[in-house]
């Protein structure tokens, strides 16, 4: 990630074994919410530490929290010719409708990368 810092955003009900794993890998983390991610608290905590730009790479549940908080301003999507597993989750769990417009598209062999920005 070209020198970018990885920071896990967690709720307080996280399994202690996972915290041990993060610590053993020297991955910093913050708590933002008791049982669910409080996006406003997470963004405030990160901003206090000088972090104002994020690359969100959570799973569908975390992605959904940030999407429902209406704080995602850009999407970068990759489409590859791979069939998903029946138990795979959507990109944004329990999301609301958001409107984005295509900014850029590139093809790399059989893979397509699309960059979208939030419609104003």
PDB file of N, CA and C in Angstrom:
ATOM      1  N   UNK A   1       0.811  -1.208   0.000  1.00  0.00           N
ATOM      2  CA  UNK A   1       0.000   0.000   0.000  1.00  0.00           C
ATOM      3  C   UNK A   1       0.846   1.259   0.000  1.00  0.00           C
ATOM      4  N   UNK A   2       2.043   1.147  -0.523  1.00  0.00           N
ATOM      5  CA  UNK A   2       2.890   2.317  -0.725  1.00  0.00           C
ATOM      6  C   UNK A   2       3.092   3.104   0.569  1.00  0.00           C
ATOM      7  N   UNK A   3       3.370   2.406   1.661  1.00  0.00           N
ATOM      8  CA  UNK A   3       3.638   3.059   2.936  1.00  0.00           C
ATOM      9  C   UNK A   3       2.416   3.398   3.757  1.00  0.00           C
ATOM     10  N   UNK A   4       1.237   3.023   3.302  1.00  0.00           N
ATOM     11  CA  UNK A   4       0.015   3.321   4.054  1.00  0.00           C
ATOM     12  C   UNK A   4      -0.010   2.513   5.357  1.00  0.00           C
ATOM     13  N   UNK A   5      -0.667   3.051   6.355  1.00  0.00           N
ATOM     14  CA  UNK A   5      -0.778   2.407   7.661  1.00  0.00           C
ATOM     15  C   UNK A   5      -2.088   1.635   7.761  1.00  0.00           C
ATOM     16  N   UNK A   6      -2.021   0.390   8.191  1.00  0.00           N
ATOM     17  CA  UNK A   6      -3.211  -0.412   8.435  1.00  0.00           C
ATOM     18  C   UNK A   6      -3.669  -0.163   9.865  1.00  0.00           C
ATOM     19  N   UNK A   7      -4.949   0.128  10.048  1.00  0.00           N
ATOM     20  CA  UNK A   7      -5.540   0.309  11.371  1.00  0.00           C
ATOM     21  C   UNK A   7      -6.882  -0.409  11.376  1.00  0.00           C
ATOM     22  N   UNK A   8      -7.077  -1.301  12.315  1.00  0.00           N
ATOM     23  CA  UNK A   8      -8.347  -2.011  12.449  1.00  0.00           C
ATOM     24  C   UNK A   8      -9.315  -1.166  13.271  1.00  0.00           C
ATOM     25  N   UNK A   9     -10.543  -1.064  12.805  1.00  0.00           N
ATOM     26  CA  UNK A   9     -11.613  -0.396  13.551  1.00  0.00           C
ATOM     27  C   UNK A   9     -12.513  -1.502  14.091  1.00  0.00           C
ATOM     28  N   UNK A  10     -12.641  -1.566  15.408  1.00  0.00           N
ATOM     29  CA  UNK A  10     -13.336  -2.669  16.065  1.00  0.00           C
ATOM     30  C   UNK A  10     -14.403  -2.180  17.033  1.00  0.00           C
ATOM     31  N   UNK A  11     -15.394  -3.027  17.283  1.00  0.00           N
ATOM     32  CA  UNK A  11     -16.309  -2.761  18.394  1.00  0.00           C
ATOM     33  C   UNK A  11     -15.682  -3.382  19.643  1.00  0.00           C
ATOM     34  N   UNK A  12     -16.177  -2.974  20.804  1.00  0.00           N
ATOM     35  CA  UNK A  12     -15.592  -3.435  22.060  1.00  0.00           C
ATOM     36  C   UNK A  12     -15.872  -4.905  22.364  1.00  0.00           C
ATOM     37  N   UNK A  13     -16.803  -5.519  21.651  1.00  0.00           N
ATOM     38  CA  UNK A  13     -17.116  -6.923  21.934  1.00  0.00           C
ATOM     39  C   UNK A  13     -16.273  -7.882  21.098  1.00  0.00           C
ATOM     40  N   UNK A  14     -15.128  -7.415  20.624  1.00  0.00           N
ATOM     41  CA  UNK A  14     -14.230  -8.241  19.812  1.00  0.00           C
ATOM     42  C   UNK A  14     -13.613  -9.353  20.674  1.00  0.00           C
ATOM     43  N   UNK A  15     -13.370 -10.479  20.082  1.00  0.00           N
ATOM     44  CA  UNK A  15     -12.760 -11.624  20.756  1.00  0.00           C
ATOM     45  C   UNK A  15     -11.319 -11.286  21.142  1.00  0.00           C
ATOM     46  N   UNK A  16     -10.962 -11.577  22.386  1.00  0.00           N
ATOM     47  CA  UNK A  16      -9.613 -11.296  22.897  1.00  0.00           C
ATOM     48  C   UNK A  16      -8.538 -11.990  22.059  1.00  0.00           C
ATOM     49  N   UNK A  17      -8.861 -13.151  21.486  1.00  0.00           N
ATOM     50  CA  UNK A  17      -7.886 -13.857  20.651  1.00  0.00           C
ATOM     51  C   UNK A  17      -7.552 -13.054  19.406  1.00  0.00           C
ATOM     52  N   UNK A  18      -8.540 -12.342  18.869  1.00  0.00           N
ATOM     53  CA  UNK A  18      -8.283 -11.518  17.693  1.00  0.00           C
ATOM     54  C   UNK A  18      -7.382 -10.339  18.056  1.00  0.00           C
ATOM     55  N   UNK A  19      -7.621  -9.749  19.225  1.00  0.00           N
ATOM     56  CA  UNK A  19      -6.752  -8.661  19.675  1.00  0.00           C
ATOM     57  C   UNK A  19      -5.318  -9.160  19.827  1.00  0.00           C
ATOM     58  N   UNK A  20      -5.160 -10.374  20.365  1.00  0.00           N
ATOM     59  CA  UNK A  20      -3.837 -10.974  20.495  1.00  0.00           C
ATOM     60  C   UNK A  20      -3.176 -11.160  19.141  1.00  0.00           C
ATOM     61  N   UNK A  21      -3.965 -11.580  18.159  1.00  0.00           N
ATOM     62  CA  UNK A  21      -3.443 -11.756  16.807  1.00  0.00           C
ATOM     63  C   UNK A  21      -2.969 -10.421  16.249  1.00  0.00           C
ATOM     64  N   UNK A  22      -3.807  -9.376  16.388  1.00  0.00           N
ATOM     65  CA  UNK A  22      -3.420  -8.056  15.875  1.00  0.00           C
ATOM     66  C   UNK A  22      -2.140  -7.569  16.551  1.00  0.00           C
ATOM     67  N   UNK A  23      -2.058  -7.755  17.859  1.00  0.00           N
ATOM     68  CA  UNK A  23      -0.872  -7.328  18.587  1.00  0.00           C
ATOM     69  C   UNK A  23       0.362  -8.108  18.138  1.00  0.00           C
ATOM     70  N   UNK A  24       0.207  -9.408  17.896  1.00  0.00           N
ATOM     71  CA  UNK A  24       1.353 -10.212  17.458  1.00  0.00           C
ATOM     72  C   UNK A  24       1.826  -9.793  16.062  1.00  0.00           C
ATOM     73  N   UNK A  25       0.917  -9.250  15.249  1.00  0.00           N
ATOM     74  CA  UNK A  25       1.256  -8.786  13.902  1.00  0.00           C
ATOM     75  C   UNK A  25       1.609  -7.289  13.893  1.00  0.00           C
ATOM     76  N   UNK A  26       1.584  -6.673  15.097  1.00  0.00           N
ATOM     77  CA  UNK A  26       1.876  -5.244  15.266  1.00  0.00           C
ATOM     78  C   UNK A  26       0.942  -4.368  14.422  1.00  0.00           C
ATOM     79  N   UNK A  27      -0.334  -4.769  14.378  1.00  0.00           N
ATOM     80  CA  UNK A  27      -1.362  -4.003  13.670  1.00  0.00           C
ATOM     81  C   UNK A  27      -2.140  -3.201  14.703  1.00  0.00           C
ATOM     82  N   UNK A  28      -2.080  -1.870  14.624  1.00  0.00           N
ATOM     83  CA  UNK A  28      -2.811  -1.058  15.598  1.00  0.00           C
ATOM     84  C   UNK A  28      -4.321  -1.139  15.366  1.00  0.00           C
ATOM     85  N   UNK A  29      -5.074  -0.850  16.424  1.00  0.00           N
ATOM     86  CA  UNK A  29      -6.528  -0.880  16.324  1.00  0.00           C
ATOM     87  C   UNK A  29      -7.121   0.178  17.234  1.00  0.00           C
ATOM     88  N   UNK A  30      -8.357   0.546  16.903  1.00  0.00           N
ATOM     89  CA  UNK A  30      -9.126   1.447  17.755  1.00  0.00           C
ATOM     90  C   UNK A  30     -10.479   0.815  18.018  1.00  0.00           C
ATOM     91  N   UNK A  31     -11.076   1.181  19.143  1.00  0.00           N
ATOM     92  CA  UNK A  31     -12.433   0.758  19.446  1.00  0.00           C
ATOM     93  C   UNK A  31     -13.372   1.904  19.105  1.00  0.00           C
ATOM     94  N   UNK A  32     -14.467   1.584  18.431  1.00  0.00           N
ATOM     95  CA  UNK A  32     -15.453   2.599  18.058  1.00  0.00           C
ATOM     96  C   UNK A  32     -16.838   1.969  18.159  1.00  0.00           C
ATOM     97  N   UNK A  33     -17.365   1.968  19.360  1.00  0.00           N
ATOM     98  CA  UNK A  33     -18.693   1.398  19.579  1.00  0.00           C
ATOM     99  C   UNK A  33     -18.631   0.175  20.467  1.00  0.00           C
ATOM    100  N   UNK A  34     -19.723  -0.034  21.199  1.00  0.00           N
ATOM    101  CA  UNK A  34     -19.789  -1.161  22.135  1.00  0.00           C
ATOM    102  C   UNK A  34     -19.988  -2.492  21.419  1.00  0.00           C
ATOM    103  N   UNK A  35     -21.084  -2.602  20.672  1.00  0.00           N
ATOM    104  CA  UNK A  35     -21.384  -3.873  20.005  1.00  0.00           C
ATOM    105  C   UNK A  35     -21.368  -3.756  18.490  1.00  0.00           C
ATOM    106  N   UNK A  36     -21.456  -2.537  17.971  1.00  0.00           N
ATOM    107  CA  UNK A  36     -21.411  -2.272  16.537  1.00  0.00           C
ATOM    108  C   UNK A  36     -20.460  -1.116  16.292  1.00  0.00           C
ATOM    109  N   UNK A  37     -19.960  -1.026  15.067  1.00  0.00           N
ATOM    110  CA  UNK A  37     -19.063   0.067  14.714  1.00  0.00           C
ATOM    111  C   UNK A  37     -19.838   1.382  14.690  1.00  0.00           C
ATOM    112  N   UNK A  38     -19.355   2.352  15.449  1.00  0.00           N
ATOM    113  CA  UNK A  38     -19.885   3.711  15.448  1.00  0.00           C
ATOM    114  C   UNK A  38     -18.978   4.506  14.508  1.00  0.00           C
ATOM    115  N   UNK A  39     -19.427   4.708  13.274  1.00  0.00           N
ATOM    116  CA  UNK A  39     -18.590   5.323  12.242  1.00  0.00           C
ATOM    117  C   UNK A  39     -18.167   6.739  12.632  1.00  0.00           C
ATOM    118  N   UNK A  40     -19.086   7.522  13.176  1.00  0.00           N
ATOM    119  CA  UNK A  40     -18.753   8.892  13.572  1.00  0.00           C
ATOM    120  C   UNK A  40     -17.638   8.889  14.618  1.00  0.00           C
ATOM    121  N   UNK A  41     -17.729   8.016  15.612  1.00  0.00           N
ATOM    122  CA  UNK A  41     -16.691   7.906  16.634  1.00  0.00           C
ATOM    123  C   UNK A  41     -15.373   7.435  16.019  1.00  0.00           C
ATOM    124  N   UNK A  42     -15.430   6.472  15.115  1.00  0.00           N
ATOM    125  CA  UNK A  42     -14.214   5.976  14.458  1.00  0.00           C
ATOM    126  C   UNK A  42     -13.531   7.097  13.689  1.00  0.00           C
ATOM    127  N   UNK A  43     -14.288   7.842  12.897  1.00  0.00           N
ATOM    128  CA  UNK A  43     -13.699   8.924  12.111  1.00  0.00           C
ATOM    129  C   UNK A  43     -13.131  10.020  13.000  1.00  0.00           C
ATOM    130  N   UNK A  44     -13.834  10.329  14.092  1.00  0.00           N
ATOM    131  CA  UNK A  44     -13.333  11.334  15.035  1.00  0.00           C
ATOM    132  C   UNK A  44     -12.017  10.866  15.667  1.00  0.00           C
ATOM    133  N   UNK A  45     -11.984   9.630  16.119  1.00  0.00           N
ATOM    134  CA  UNK A  45     -10.780   9.083  16.765  1.00  0.00           C
ATOM    135  C   UNK A  45      -9.609   9.086  15.796  1.00  0.00           C
ATOM    136  N   UNK A  46      -9.849   8.671  14.555  1.00  0.00           N
ATOM    137  CA  UNK A  46      -8.783   8.667  13.556  1.00  0.00           C
ATOM    138  C   UNK A  46      -8.317  10.091  13.248  1.00  0.00           C
ATOM    139  N   UNK A  47      -9.255  11.044  13.153  1.00  0.00           N
ATOM    140  CA  UNK A  47      -8.898  12.439  12.867  1.00  0.00           C
ATOM    141  C   UNK A  47      -8.042  13.031  13.973  1.00  0.00           C
ATOM    142  N   UNK A  48      -8.339  12.669  15.230  1.00  0.00           N
ATOM    143  CA  UNK A  48      -7.538  13.143  16.362  1.00  0.00           C
ATOM    144  C   UNK A  48      -6.074  12.718  16.192  1.00  0.00           C
ATOM    145  N   UNK A  49      -5.873  11.580  15.543  1.00  0.00           N
ATOM    146  CA  UNK A  49      -4.522  11.069  15.302  1.00  0.00           C
ATOM    147  C   UNK A  49      -3.981  11.493  13.932  1.00  0.00           C
ATOM    148  N   UNK A  50      -4.636  12.475  13.302  1.00  0.00           N
ATOM    149  CA  UNK A  50      -4.156  13.025  12.045  1.00  0.00           C
ATOM    150  C   UNK A  50      -4.514  12.222  10.808  1.00  0.00           C
ATOM    151  N   UNK A  51      -5.446  11.278  10.942  1.00  0.00           N
ATOM    152  CA  UNK A  51      -5.846  10.444   9.803  1.00  0.00           C
ATOM    153  C   UNK A  51      -7.175  10.953   9.271  1.00  0.00           C
ATOM    154  N   UNK A  52      -7.143  11.502   8.060  1.00  0.00           N
ATOM    155  CA  UNK A  52      -8.350  12.091   7.477  1.00  0.00           C
ATOM    156  C   UNK A  52      -8.756  11.443   6.161  1.00  0.00           C
ATOM    157  N   UNK A  53      -7.906  10.601   5.606  1.00  0.00           N
ATOM    158  CA  UNK A  53      -8.204   9.896   4.364  1.00  0.00           C
ATOM    159  C   UNK A  53      -8.079   8.410   4.626  1.00  0.00           C
ATOM    160  N   UNK A  54      -9.091   7.653   4.224  1.00  0.00           N
ATOM    161  CA  UNK A  54      -9.110   6.222   4.488  1.00  0.00           C
ATOM    162  C   UNK A  54      -9.302   5.424   3.217  1.00  0.00           C
ATOM    163  N   UNK A  55      -8.702   4.262   3.190  1.00  0.00           N
ATOM    164  CA  UNK A  55      -9.003   3.246   2.192  1.00  0.00           C
ATOM    165  C   UNK A  55      -9.720   2.158   2.965  1.00  0.00           C
ATOM    166  N   UNK A  56     -10.993   2.017   2.735  1.00  0.00           N
ATOM    167  CA  UNK A  56     -11.815   1.062   3.471  1.00  0.00           C
ATOM    168  C   UNK A  56     -11.714  -0.302   2.811  1.00  0.00           C
ATOM    169  N   UNK A  57     -11.222  -1.271   3.544  1.00  0.00           N
ATOM    170  CA  UNK A  57     -11.134  -2.633   3.034  1.00  0.00           C
ATOM    171  C   UNK A  57     -11.717  -3.604   4.054  1.00  0.00           C
ATOM    172  N   UNK A  58     -12.872  -3.258   4.544  1.00  0.00           N
ATOM    173  CA  UNK A  58     -13.535  -4.135   5.486  1.00  0.00           C
ATOM    174  C   UNK A  58     -14.340  -5.191   4.757  1.00  0.00           C
ATOM    175  N   UNK A  59     -14.939  -6.053   5.505  1.00  0.00           N
ATOM    176  CA  UNK A  59     -15.880  -6.996   4.917  1.00  0.00           C
ATOM    177  C   UNK A  59     -17.214  -6.322   4.697  1.00  0.00           C
ATOM    178  N   UNK A  60     -18.191  -7.072   4.268  1.00  0.00           N
ATOM    179  CA  UNK A  60     -19.480  -6.488   3.911  1.00  0.00           C
ATOM    180  C   UNK A  60     -20.172  -5.806   5.095  1.00  0.00           C
ATOM    181  N   UNK A  61     -19.966  -6.301   6.293  1.00  0.00           N
ATOM    182  CA  UNK A  61     -20.611  -5.693   7.460  1.00  0.00           C
ATOM    183  C   UNK A  61     -20.003  -4.325   7.755  1.00  0.00           C
ATOM    184  N   UNK A  62     -18.679  -4.246   7.826  1.00  0.00           N
ATOM    185  CA  UNK A  62     -17.998  -2.966   8.084  1.00  0.00           C
ATOM    186  C   UNK A  62     -18.245  -2.005   6.928  1.00  0.00           C
ATOM    187  N   UNK A  63     -18.158  -2.490   5.695  1.00  0.00           N
ATOM    188  CA  UNK A  63     -18.452  -1.638   4.541  1.00  0.00           C
ATOM    189  C   UNK A  63     -19.854  -1.052   4.663  1.00  0.00           C
ATOM    190  N   UNK A  64     -20.812  -1.879   5.088  1.00  0.00           N
ATOM    191  CA  UNK A  64     -22.192  -1.427   5.256  1.00  0.00           C
ATOM    192  C   UNK A  64     -22.325  -0.327   6.291  1.00  0.00           C
ATOM    193  N   UNK A  65     -21.596  -0.437   7.407  1.00  0.00           N
ATOM    194  CA  UNK A  65     -21.631   0.619   8.429  1.00  0.00           C
ATOM    195  C   UNK A  65     -21.212   1.950   7.831  1.00  0.00           C
ATOM    196  N   UNK A  66     -20.098   1.948   7.091  1.00  0.00           N
ATOM    197  CA  UNK A  66     -19.589   3.189   6.509  1.00  0.00           C
ATOM    198  C   UNK A  66     -20.512   3.704   5.408  1.00  0.00           C
ATOM    199  N   UNK A  67     -21.088   2.822   4.625  1.00  0.00           N
ATOM    200  CA  UNK A  67     -22.003   3.238   3.560  1.00  0.00           C
ATOM    201  C   UNK A  67     -23.270   3.860   4.155  1.00  0.00           C
ATOM    202  N   UNK A  68     -23.834   3.233   5.177  1.00  0.00           N
ATOM    203  CA  UNK A  68     -25.054   3.775   5.796  1.00  0.00           C
ATOM    204  C   UNK A  68     -24.790   5.107   6.489  1.00  0.00           C
ATOM    205  N   UNK A  69     -23.544   5.334   6.910  1.00  0.00           N
ATOM    206  CA  UNK A  69     -23.178   6.615   7.527  1.00  0.00           C
ATOM    207  C   UNK A  69     -22.939   7.689   6.465  1.00  0.00           C
ATOM    208  N   UNK A  70     -23.027   7.311   5.198  1.00  0.00           N
ATOM    209  CA  UNK A  70     -22.911   8.240   4.076  1.00  0.00           C
ATOM    210  C   UNK A  70     -21.553   8.945   4.053  1.00  0.00           C
ATOM    211  N   UNK A  71     -20.479   8.193   4.306  1.00  0.00           N
ATOM    212  CA  UNK A  71     -19.144   8.789   4.326  1.00  0.00           C
ATOM    213  C   UNK A  71     -18.231   8.258   3.214  1.00  0.00           C
ATOM    214  N   UNK A  72     -18.761   7.428   2.350  1.00  0.00           N
ATOM    215  CA  UNK A  72     -17.955   6.907   1.241  1.00  0.00           C
ATOM    216  C   UNK A  72     -18.107   7.848   0.061  1.00  0.00           C
ATOM    217  N   UNK A  73     -16.988   8.406  -0.396  1.00  0.00           N
ATOM    218  CA  UNK A  73     -17.058   9.351  -1.507  1.00  0.00           C
ATOM    219  C   UNK A  73     -16.511   8.792  -2.810  1.00  0.00           C
ATOM    220  N   UNK A  74     -15.924   7.594  -2.756  1.00  0.00           N
ATOM    221  CA  UNK A  74     -15.356   7.005  -3.965  1.00  0.00           C
ATOM    222  C   UNK A  74     -15.373   5.485  -3.849  1.00  0.00           C
ATOM    223  N   UNK A  75     -15.636   4.819  -4.967  1.00  0.00           N
ATOM    224  CA  UNK A  75     -15.608   3.354  -5.019  1.00  0.00           C
ATOM    225  C   UNK A  75     -14.614   2.917  -6.073  1.00  0.00           C
ATOM    226  N   UNK A  76     -13.852   1.903  -5.757  1.00  0.00           N
ATOM    227  CA  UNK A  76     -12.953   1.288  -6.715  1.00  0.00           C
ATOM    228  C   UNK A  76     -13.351  -0.180  -6.787  1.00  0.00           C
ATOM    229  N   UNK A  77     -13.879  -0.595  -7.924  1.00  0.00           N
ATOM    230  CA  UNK A  77     -14.406  -1.947  -8.075  1.00  0.00           C
ATOM    231  C   UNK A  77     -13.628  -2.707  -9.137  1.00  0.00           C
ATOM    232  N   UNK A  78     -13.373  -3.976  -8.868  1.00  0.00           N
ATOM    233  CA  UNK A  78     -12.705  -4.851  -9.820  1.00  0.00           C
ATOM    234  C   UNK A  78     -13.660  -5.980 -10.171  1.00  0.00           C
ATOM    235  N   UNK A  79     -13.837  -6.203 -11.468  1.00  0.00           N
ATOM    236  CA  UNK A  79     -14.671  -7.303 -11.935  1.00  0.00           C
ATOM    237  C   UNK A  79     -13.752  -8.313 -12.608  1.00  0.00           C
ATOM    238  N   UNK A  80     -13.779  -9.529 -12.094  1.00  0.00           N
ATOM    239  CA  UNK A  80     -12.960 -10.606 -12.642  1.00  0.00           C
ATOM    240  C   UNK A  80     -13.873 -11.775 -12.991  1.00  0.00           C
ATOM    241  N   UNK A  81     -13.503 -12.570 -13.980  1.00  0.00           N
ATOM    242  CA  UNK A  81     -14.363 -13.686 -14.404  1.00  0.00           C
ATOM    243  C   UNK A  81     -14.269 -14.884 -13.456  1.00  0.00           C
ATOM    244  N   UNK A  82     -14.750 -14.663 -12.224  1.00  0.00           N
ATOM    245  CA  UNK A  82     -14.738 -15.709 -11.197  1.00  0.00           C
ATOM    246  C   UNK A  82     -16.148 -15.823 -10.645  1.00  0.00           C
ATOM    247  N   UNK A  83     -16.658 -17.031 -10.557  1.00  0.00           N
ATOM    248  CA  UNK A  83     -17.998 -17.250 -10.021  1.00  0.00           C
ATOM    249  C   UNK A  83     -17.921 -17.266  -8.496  1.00  0.00           C
ATOM    250  N   UNK A  84     -18.793 -16.503  -7.849  1.00  0.00           N
ATOM    251  CA  UNK A  84     -18.806 -16.412  -6.395  1.00  0.00           C
ATOM    252  C   UNK A  84     -19.357 -17.690  -5.769  1.00  0.00           C
ATOM    253  N   UNK A  85     -18.970 -17.914  -4.557  1.00  0.00           N
ATOM    254  CA  UNK A  85     -19.483 -19.032  -3.768  1.00  0.00           C
ATOM    255  C   UNK A  85     -20.888 -18.681  -3.278  1.00  0.00           C
ATOM    256  N   UNK A  86     -21.736 -19.665  -3.128  1.00  0.00           N
ATOM    257  CA  UNK A  86     -23.125 -19.430  -2.700  1.00  0.00           C
ATOM    258  C   UNK A  86     -23.206 -18.736  -1.340  1.00  0.00           C
ATOM    259  N   UNK A  87     -22.188 -18.892  -0.502  1.00  0.00           N
ATOM    260  CA  UNK A  87     -22.212 -18.293   0.832  1.00  0.00           C
ATOM    261  C   UNK A  87     -21.481 -16.959   0.906  1.00  0.00           C
ATOM    262  N   UNK A  88     -20.976 -16.445  -0.223  1.00  0.00           N
ATOM    263  CA  UNK A  88     -20.324 -15.141  -0.233  1.00  0.00           C
ATOM    264  C   UNK A  88     -21.309 -14.052   0.141  1.00  0.00           C
ATOM    265  N   UNK A  89     -20.802 -13.016   0.784  1.00  0.00           N
ATOM    266  CA  UNK A  89     -21.638 -11.893   1.205  1.00  0.00           C
ATOM    267  C   UNK A  89     -21.577 -10.787   0.170  1.00  0.00           C
ATOM    268  N   UNK A  90     -22.555  -9.875   0.195  1.00  0.00           N
ATOM    269  CA  UNK A  90     -22.515  -8.739  -0.724  1.00  0.00           C
ATOM    270  C   UNK A  90     -21.399  -7.776  -0.330  1.00  0.00           C
ATOM    271  N   UNK A  91     -21.091  -6.838  -1.185  1.00  0.00           N
ATOM    272  CA  UNK A  91     -20.051  -5.849  -0.910  1.00  0.00           C
ATOM    273  C   UNK A  91     -20.423  -4.956   0.270  1.00  0.00           C
ATOM    274  N   UNK A  92     -21.717  -4.583   0.367  1.00  0.00           N
ATOM    275  CA  UNK A  92     -22.213  -3.732   1.445  1.00  0.00           C
ATOM    276  C   UNK A  92     -23.409  -4.402   2.091  1.00  0.00           C
ATOM    277  N   UNK A  93     -23.264  -4.888   3.311  1.00  0.00           N
ATOM    278  CA  UNK A  93     -24.345  -5.544   4.027  1.00  0.00           C
ATOM    279  C   UNK A  93     -25.345  -4.500   4.518  1.00  0.00           C
ATOM    280  N   UNK A  94     -26.629  -4.747   4.281  1.00  0.00           N
ATOM    281  CA  UNK A  94     -27.727  -3.895   4.763  1.00  0.00           C
ATOM    282  C   UNK A  94     -27.537  -2.446   4.341  1.00  0.00           C
ATOM    283  N   UNK A  95     -27.174  -2.234   3.090  1.00  0.00           N
ATOM    284  CA  UNK A  95     -26.875  -0.884   2.618  1.00  0.00           C
ATOM    285  C   UNK A  95     -28.133  -0.133   2.213  1.00  0.00           C
ATOM    286  N   UNK A  96     -27.951   1.171   2.065  1.00  0.00           N
ATOM    287  CA  UNK A  96     -29.006   2.015   1.528  1.00  0.00           C
ATOM    288  C   UNK A  96     -28.620   2.351   0.090  1.00  0.00           C
ATOM    289  N   UNK A  97     -29.471   3.063  -0.602  1.00  0.00           N
ATOM    290  CA  UNK A  97     -29.188   3.410  -1.994  1.00  0.00           C
ATOM    291  C   UNK A  97     -28.272   4.627  -2.030  1.00  0.00           C
ATOM    292  N   UNK A  98     -27.170   4.510  -2.763  1.00  0.00           N
ATOM    293  CA  UNK A  98     -26.230   5.614  -2.955  1.00  0.00           C
ATOM    294  C   UNK A  98     -26.009   5.782  -4.447  1.00  0.00           C
ATOM    295  N   UNK A  99     -25.763   7.002  -4.863  1.00  0.00           N
ATOM    296  CA  UNK A  99     -25.615   7.278  -6.285  1.00  0.00           C
ATOM    297  C   UNK A  99     -24.177   7.699  -6.594  1.00  0.00           C
ATOM    298  N   UNK A 100     -23.513   6.930  -7.452  1.00  0.00           N
ATOM    299  CA  UNK A 100     -22.143   7.202  -7.863  1.00  0.00           C
ATOM    300  C   UNK A 100     -22.103   7.303  -9.380  1.00  0.00           C
ATOM    301  N   UNK A 101     -21.087   8.001  -9.897  1.00  0.00           N
ATOM    302  CA  UNK A 101     -20.913   8.078 -11.338  1.00  0.00           C
ATOM    303  C   UNK A 101     -19.512   7.611 -11.708  1.00  0.00           C
ATOM    304  N   UNK A 102     -19.410   7.022 -12.893  1.00  0.00           N
ATOM    305  CA  UNK A 102     -18.155   6.467 -13.364  1.00  0.00           C
ATOM    306  C   UNK A 102     -17.160   7.580 -13.662  1.00  0.00           C
ATOM    307  N   UNK A 103     -15.970   7.438 -13.072  1.00  0.00           N
ATOM    308  CA  UNK A 103     -14.904   8.416 -13.271  1.00  0.00           C
ATOM    309  C   UNK A 103     -13.845   7.872 -14.236  1.00  0.00           C
ATOM    310  N   UNK A 104     -13.528   6.577 -14.085  1.00  0.00           N
ATOM    311  CA  UNK A 104     -12.459   5.985 -14.882  1.00  0.00           C
ATOM    312  C   UNK A 104     -12.682   4.481 -14.992  1.00  0.00           C
ATOM    313  N   UNK A 105     -12.232   3.915 -16.094  1.00  0.00           N
ATOM    314  CA  UNK A 105     -12.333   2.471 -16.290  1.00  0.00           C
ATOM    315  C   UNK A 105     -11.086   2.003 -17.046  1.00  0.00           C
ATOM    316  N   UNK A 106     -10.540   0.878 -16.617  1.00  0.00           N
ATOM    317  CA  UNK A 106      -9.370   0.288 -17.275  1.00  0.00           C
ATOM    318  C   UNK A 106      -9.552  -1.220 -17.362  1.00  0.00           C
ATOM    319  N   UNK A 107      -8.972  -1.786 -18.392  1.00  0.00           N
ATOM    320  CA  UNK A 107      -9.007  -3.244 -18.549  1.00  0.00           C
ATOM    321  C   UNK A 107      -7.587  -3.782 -18.463  1.00  0.00           C
ATOM    322  N   UNK A 108      -7.425  -4.831 -17.672  1.00  0.00           N
ATOM    323  CA  UNK A 108      -6.160  -5.532 -17.518  1.00  0.00           C
ATOM    324  C   UNK A 108      -6.416  -6.983 -17.875  1.00  0.00           C
ATOM    325  N   UNK A 109      -6.069  -7.380 -19.095  1.00  0.00           N
ATOM    326  CA  UNK A 109      -6.373  -8.724 -19.597  1.00  0.00           C
ATOM    327  C   UNK A 109      -7.862  -8.985 -19.444  1.00  0.00           C
ATOM    328  N   UNK A 110      -8.257  -9.957 -18.626  1.00  0.00           N
ATOM    329  CA  UNK A 110      -9.681 -10.277 -18.490  1.00  0.00           C
ATOM    330  C   UNK A 110     -10.323  -9.624 -17.254  1.00  0.00           C
ATOM    331  N   UNK A 111      -9.617  -8.701 -16.634  1.00  0.00           N
ATOM    332  CA  UNK A 111     -10.117  -8.017 -15.439  1.00  0.00           C
ATOM    333  C   UNK A 111     -10.417  -6.558 -15.772  1.00  0.00           C
ATOM    334  N   UNK A 112     -11.537  -6.056 -15.238  1.00  0.00           N
ATOM    335  CA  UNK A 112     -11.918  -4.663 -15.456  1.00  0.00           C
ATOM    336  C   UNK A 112     -11.916  -3.938 -14.114  1.00  0.00           C
ATOM    337  N   UNK A 113     -11.260  -2.776 -14.078  1.00  0.00           N
ATOM    338  CA  UNK A 113     -11.230  -1.914 -12.887  1.00  0.00           C
ATOM    339  C   UNK A 113     -12.056  -0.677 -13.175  1.00  0.00           C
ATOM    340  N   UNK A 114     -12.966  -0.356 -12.264  1.00  0.00           N
ATOM    341  CA  UNK A 114     -13.820   0.814 -12.424  1.00  0.00           C
ATOM    342  C   UNK A 114     -13.713   1.695 -11.184  1.00  0.00           C
ATOM    343  N   UNK A 115     -13.575   2.987 -11.418  1.00  0.00           N
ATOM    344  CA  UNK A 115     -13.497   3.956 -10.326  1.00  0.00           C
ATOM    345  C   UNK A 115     -14.718   4.870 -10.427  1.00  0.00           C
ATOM    346  N   UNK A 116     -15.462   4.959  -9.328  1.00  0.00           N
ATOM    347  CA  UNK A 116     -16.669   5.770  -9.258  1.00  0.00           C
ATOM    348  C   UNK A 116     -16.506   6.838  -8.175  1.00  0.00           C
ATOM    349  N   UNK A 117     -17.156   7.983  -8.377  1.00  0.00           N
ATOM    350  CA  UNK A 117     -17.212   9.031  -7.354  1.00  0.00           C
ATOM    351  C   UNK A 117     -18.673   9.300  -7.029  1.00  0.00           C
ATOM    352  N   UNK A 118     -18.890   9.711  -5.779  1.00  0.00           N
ATOM    353  CA  UNK A 118     -20.266  10.003  -5.351  1.00  0.00           C
ATOM    354  C   UNK A 118     -20.815  11.154  -6.177  1.00  0.00           C
ATOM    355  N   UNK A 119     -22.047  10.975  -6.645  1.00  0.00           N
ATOM    356  CA  UNK A 119     -22.719  12.030  -7.396  1.00  0.00           C
ATOM    357  C   UNK A 119     -23.076  13.166  -6.451  1.00  0.00           C
ATOM    358  N   UNK A 120     -22.834  14.351  -6.899  1.00  0.00           N
ATOM    359  CA  UNK A 120     -23.127  15.541  -6.063  1.00  0.00           C
ATOM    360  C   UNK A 120     -24.486  16.087  -6.447  1.00  0.00           C
TER     361      UNK A 120
END
